Amino acid sequence: MKKKKWWIAIIAVAVLYIVFFPSPSPELAVRKHLLLSFHPMMACLEPIQEGNIKNDPRYGDLYLVDASSRPFVYVKKSALGWRVSSAGTGP
């Protein structure tokens, strides 16, 4: 019974970490955004391309996911890591 409680606690902490903490790389931030947007297959299989816009002061760096309904994803670096700042249908 104690092992089951430990596994539940470990899984809960892992889920909280995945949801609330920034990612260590921009590609992982985009994949996490896709996963949390209920696109788990796209998060695992779709290629993510680096866009032409870099260091935009408002949004950050542009990344493209062609198969998504919102293919343009901006990621921004914070002190803890990368996070998605904006996603949409056009740059």
N, C-alpha and C. Protein backbone atom coordinates (compact mmCIF):
# COMPACT_ATOMS: atom_id res chain seq x y z
N MET A 1 0.82 -1.20 0.00
CA MET A 1 0.00 0.00 0.00
C MET A 1 0.87 1.27 0.00
N LYS A 2 1.98 1.23 0.73
CA LYS A 2 2.85 2.40 0.78
C LYS A 2 3.52 2.66 -0.57
N LYS A 3 3.86 1.57 -1.29
CA LYS A 3 4.48 1.74 -2.61
C LYS A 3 3.52 2.44 -3.56
N LYS A 4 2.26 2.10 -3.48
CA LYS A 4 1.25 2.72 -4.36
C LYS A 4 1.14 4.22 -4.07
N LYS A 5 1.18 4.60 -2.81
CA LYS A 5 1.12 6.02 -2.46
C LYS A 5 2.35 6.77 -2.97
N TRP A 6 3.52 6.12 -2.88
CA TRP A 6 4.72 6.76 -3.38
C TRP A 6 4.65 6.97 -4.89
N TRP A 7 4.18 5.97 -5.61
CA TRP A 7 4.06 6.11 -7.06
C TRP A 7 3.07 7.20 -7.44
N ILE A 8 1.98 7.29 -6.74
CA ILE A 8 1.00 8.35 -7.01
C ILE A 8 1.62 9.71 -6.74
N ALA A 9 2.37 9.84 -5.66
CA ALA A 9 3.03 11.11 -5.33
C ALA A 9 4.08 11.48 -6.38
N ILE A 10 4.86 10.50 -6.82
CA ILE A 10 5.89 10.77 -7.83
C ILE A 10 5.26 11.19 -9.15
N ILE A 11 4.20 10.53 -9.55
CA ILE A 11 3.51 10.89 -10.80
C ILE A 11 2.88 12.28 -10.68
N ALA A 12 2.31 12.60 -9.53
CA ALA A 12 1.70 13.92 -9.34
C ALA A 12 2.75 15.02 -9.41
N VAL A 13 3.90 14.81 -8.80
CA VAL A 13 4.97 15.81 -8.86
C VAL A 13 5.49 15.95 -10.28
N ALA A 14 5.63 14.85 -11.00
CA ALA A 14 6.10 14.90 -12.39
C ALA A 14 5.12 15.67 -13.27
N VAL A 15 3.83 15.44 -13.09
CA VAL A 15 2.82 16.17 -13.88
C VAL A 15 2.86 17.66 -13.56
N LEU A 16 2.97 18.01 -12.30
CA LEU A 16 3.06 19.43 -11.92
C LEU A 16 4.31 20.08 -12.52
N TYR A 17 5.42 19.37 -12.50
CA TYR A 17 6.65 19.90 -13.08
C TYR A 17 6.49 20.12 -14.58
N ILE A 18 5.92 19.16 -15.27
CA ILE A 18 5.75 19.26 -16.72
C ILE A 18 4.82 20.42 -17.08
N VAL A 19 3.76 20.61 -16.31
CA VAL A 19 2.77 21.63 -16.63
C VAL A 19 3.26 23.04 -16.28
N PHE A 20 3.89 23.22 -15.15
CA PHE A 20 4.14 24.57 -14.66
C PHE A 20 5.56 25.11 -14.87
N PHE A 21 6.56 24.26 -15.07
CA PHE A 21 7.91 24.76 -15.21
C PHE A 21 8.29 24.89 -16.67
N PRO A 22 9.10 25.90 -17.01
CA PRO A 22 9.56 26.07 -18.39
C PRO A 22 10.44 24.92 -18.84
N SER A 23 10.57 24.77 -20.14
CA SER A 23 11.34 23.68 -20.74
C SER A 23 12.80 24.09 -20.93
N PRO A 24 13.72 23.12 -20.97
CA PRO A 24 15.13 23.45 -21.14
C PRO A 24 15.52 23.85 -22.56
N SER A 25 14.68 23.57 -23.56
CA SER A 25 15.00 23.96 -24.94
C SER A 25 13.73 24.49 -25.61
N PRO A 26 13.89 25.31 -26.66
CA PRO A 26 12.71 25.85 -27.34
C PRO A 26 11.85 24.78 -28.00
N GLU A 27 12.48 23.75 -28.56
CA GLU A 27 11.70 22.70 -29.21
C GLU A 27 10.85 21.94 -28.18
N LEU A 28 11.41 21.68 -27.01
CA LEU A 28 10.63 21.01 -25.97
C LEU A 28 9.48 21.90 -25.49
N ALA A 29 9.69 23.20 -25.47
CA ALA A 29 8.61 24.11 -25.08
C ALA A 29 7.46 24.03 -26.08
N VAL A 30 7.78 23.97 -27.37
CA VAL A 30 6.74 23.85 -28.40
C VAL A 30 6.04 22.50 -28.28
N ARG A 31 6.80 21.44 -28.06
CA ARG A 31 6.19 20.12 -27.90
C ARG A 31 5.30 20.05 -26.67
N LYS A 32 5.71 20.68 -25.59
CA LYS A 32 4.88 20.71 -24.38
C LYS A 32 3.60 21.49 -24.63
N HIS A 33 3.70 22.59 -25.38
CA HIS A 33 2.52 23.37 -25.73
C HIS A 33 1.54 22.53 -26.55
N LEU A 34 2.05 21.77 -27.51
CA LEU A 34 1.19 20.90 -28.31
C LEU A 34 0.56 19.82 -27.44
N LEU A 35 1.32 19.26 -26.54
CA LEU A 35 0.80 18.21 -25.66
C LEU A 35 -0.31 18.76 -24.77
N LEU A 36 -0.11 19.94 -24.20
CA LEU A 36 -1.12 20.53 -23.32
C LEU A 36 -2.30 21.10 -24.09
N SER A 37 -2.16 21.24 -25.42
CA SER A 37 -3.26 21.68 -26.27
C SER A 37 -4.03 20.49 -26.83
N PHE A 38 -3.86 19.33 -26.22
CA PHE A 38 -4.56 18.11 -26.60
C PHE A 38 -4.22 17.62 -28.00
N HIS A 39 -2.94 17.73 -28.36
CA HIS A 39 -2.41 17.18 -29.61
C HIS A 39 -1.23 16.27 -29.29
N PRO A 40 -1.46 15.16 -28.59
CA PRO A 40 -0.32 14.34 -28.17
C PRO A 40 0.44 13.68 -29.32
N MET A 41 -0.23 13.31 -30.39
CA MET A 41 0.47 12.70 -31.52
C MET A 41 1.34 13.72 -32.25
N MET A 42 0.83 14.94 -32.39
CA MET A 42 1.64 15.98 -33.01
C MET A 42 2.84 16.32 -32.15
N ALA A 43 2.65 16.31 -30.84
CA ALA A 43 3.75 16.62 -29.93
C ALA A 43 4.87 15.61 -30.05
N CYS A 44 4.54 14.38 -30.36
CA CYS A 44 5.55 13.33 -30.46
C CYS A 44 6.14 13.17 -31.85
N LEU A 45 5.33 13.36 -32.89
CA LEU A 45 5.75 12.97 -34.23
C LEU A 45 6.06 14.10 -35.20
N GLU A 46 5.43 15.24 -35.07
CA GLU A 46 5.57 16.31 -36.05
C GLU A 46 6.93 17.01 -35.96
N PRO A 47 7.53 17.32 -37.10
CA PRO A 47 8.78 18.08 -37.08
C PRO A 47 8.51 19.55 -36.73
N ILE A 48 9.41 20.12 -35.97
CA ILE A 48 9.31 21.52 -35.58
C ILE A 48 10.47 22.25 -36.24
N GLN A 49 10.13 23.31 -37.01
CA GLN A 49 11.14 24.05 -37.75
C GLN A 49 11.36 25.41 -37.12
N GLU A 50 12.59 25.85 -37.17
CA GLU A 50 12.94 27.16 -36.66
C GLU A 50 12.52 28.20 -37.70
N GLY A 51 11.86 29.27 -37.25
CA GLY A 51 11.42 30.32 -38.15
C GLY A 51 12.49 31.37 -38.39
N ASN A 52 12.12 32.40 -39.15
CA ASN A 52 13.06 33.46 -39.50
C ASN A 52 13.16 34.55 -38.44
N ILE A 53 12.20 34.66 -37.57
CA ILE A 53 12.18 35.74 -36.59
C ILE A 53 12.92 35.29 -35.33
N LYS A 54 13.94 36.05 -34.95
CA LYS A 54 14.75 35.77 -33.78
C LYS A 54 14.77 37.00 -32.86
N ASN A 55 14.74 36.77 -31.59
CA ASN A 55 14.89 37.81 -30.57
C ASN A 55 13.90 38.96 -30.72
N ASP A 56 12.68 38.66 -31.08
CA ASP A 56 11.64 39.69 -31.11
C ASP A 56 11.42 40.15 -29.66
N PRO A 57 11.47 41.47 -29.42
CA PRO A 57 11.37 41.93 -28.03
C PRO A 57 10.03 41.61 -27.37
N ARG A 58 8.99 41.49 -28.15
CA ARG A 58 7.67 41.25 -27.56
C ARG A 58 7.35 39.76 -27.43
N TYR A 59 7.67 38.97 -28.46
CA TYR A 59 7.25 37.57 -28.49
C TYR A 59 8.39 36.57 -28.34
N GLY A 60 9.56 36.85 -28.85
CA GLY A 60 10.67 35.91 -28.77
C GLY A 60 11.02 35.32 -30.12
N ASP A 61 11.35 34.03 -30.15
CA ASP A 61 11.76 33.33 -31.37
C ASP A 61 10.57 32.58 -31.98
N LEU A 62 10.54 32.54 -33.31
CA LEU A 62 9.46 31.89 -34.04
C LEU A 62 9.81 30.44 -34.37
N TYR A 63 8.86 29.53 -34.14
CA TYR A 63 8.97 28.13 -34.53
C TYR A 63 7.71 27.73 -35.27
N LEU A 64 7.86 26.82 -36.24
CA LEU A 64 6.75 26.43 -37.10
C LEU A 64 6.41 24.96 -36.93
N VAL A 65 5.11 24.68 -36.82
CA VAL A 65 4.59 23.30 -36.79
C VAL A 65 3.54 23.26 -37.88
N ASP A 66 3.88 22.71 -39.04
CA ASP A 66 3.02 22.79 -40.22
C ASP A 66 1.68 22.10 -40.06
N ALA A 67 1.59 20.99 -39.38
CA ALA A 67 0.35 20.22 -39.30
C ALA A 67 -0.63 20.75 -38.26
N SER A 68 -0.22 21.69 -37.46
CA SER A 68 -1.06 22.21 -36.38
C SER A 68 -2.08 23.22 -36.92
N SER A 69 -3.17 23.41 -36.17
CA SER A 69 -4.15 24.42 -36.55
C SER A 69 -3.61 25.82 -36.26
N ARG A 70 -2.65 25.92 -35.35
CA ARG A 70 -1.95 27.18 -35.07
C ARG A 70 -0.46 26.93 -35.30
N PRO A 71 -0.03 27.04 -36.57
CA PRO A 71 1.32 26.59 -36.92
C PRO A 71 2.46 27.51 -36.47
N PHE A 72 2.18 28.75 -36.10
CA PHE A 72 3.23 29.68 -35.72
C PHE A 72 3.27 29.78 -34.20
N VAL A 73 4.39 29.38 -33.61
CA VAL A 73 4.53 29.36 -32.16
C VAL A 73 5.76 30.19 -31.79
N TYR A 74 5.58 31.16 -30.91
CA TYR A 74 6.69 31.97 -30.41
C TYR A 74 7.11 31.47 -29.05
N VAL A 75 8.40 31.32 -28.84
CA VAL A 75 8.93 30.92 -27.54
C VAL A 75 9.88 32.00 -27.04
N LYS A 76 9.90 32.17 -25.73
CA LYS A 76 10.71 33.20 -25.11
C LYS A 76 11.51 32.58 -23.98
N LYS A 77 12.74 33.02 -23.82
CA LYS A 77 13.61 32.50 -22.77
C LYS A 77 13.42 33.32 -21.50
N SER A 78 13.23 32.60 -20.38
CA SER A 78 13.16 33.25 -19.07
C SER A 78 14.34 32.75 -18.25
N ALA A 79 14.38 33.14 -17.00
CA ALA A 79 15.49 32.72 -16.14
C ALA A 79 15.49 31.21 -15.89
N LEU A 80 14.32 30.58 -15.91
CA LEU A 80 14.21 29.15 -15.64
C LEU A 80 14.29 28.28 -16.89
N GLY A 81 13.98 28.83 -18.04
CA GLY A 81 13.99 28.05 -19.27
C GLY A 81 13.13 28.70 -20.34
N TRP A 82 12.71 27.91 -21.32
CA TRP A 82 11.91 28.39 -22.45
C TRP A 82 10.43 28.15 -22.18
N ARG A 83 9.61 29.12 -22.61
CA ARG A 83 8.16 28.98 -22.49
C ARG A 83 7.52 29.55 -23.76
N VAL A 84 6.32 29.08 -24.08
CA VAL A 84 5.59 29.58 -25.24
C VAL A 84 4.93 30.89 -24.85
N SER A 85 5.24 31.94 -25.61
CA SER A 85 4.65 33.25 -25.32
C SER A 85 3.42 33.52 -26.16
N SER A 86 3.34 32.92 -27.36
CA SER A 86 2.20 33.15 -28.23
C SER A 86 2.14 32.06 -29.29
N ALA A 87 0.92 31.76 -29.73
CA ALA A 87 0.72 30.79 -30.81
C ALA A 87 -0.45 31.27 -31.63
N GLY A 88 -0.36 31.10 -32.95
CA GLY A 88 -1.44 31.55 -33.80
C GLY A 88 -1.29 31.10 -35.24
N THR A 89 -2.07 31.75 -36.11
CA THR A 89 -2.11 31.35 -37.51
C THR A 89 -1.22 32.19 -38.41
N GLY A 90 -0.60 33.21 -37.87
CA GLY A 90 0.28 34.04 -38.69
C GLY A 90 1.33 34.73 -37.84
N PRO A 91 2.46 35.06 -38.44
CA PRO A 91 3.52 35.71 -37.67
C PRO A 91 3.14 37.13 -37.37
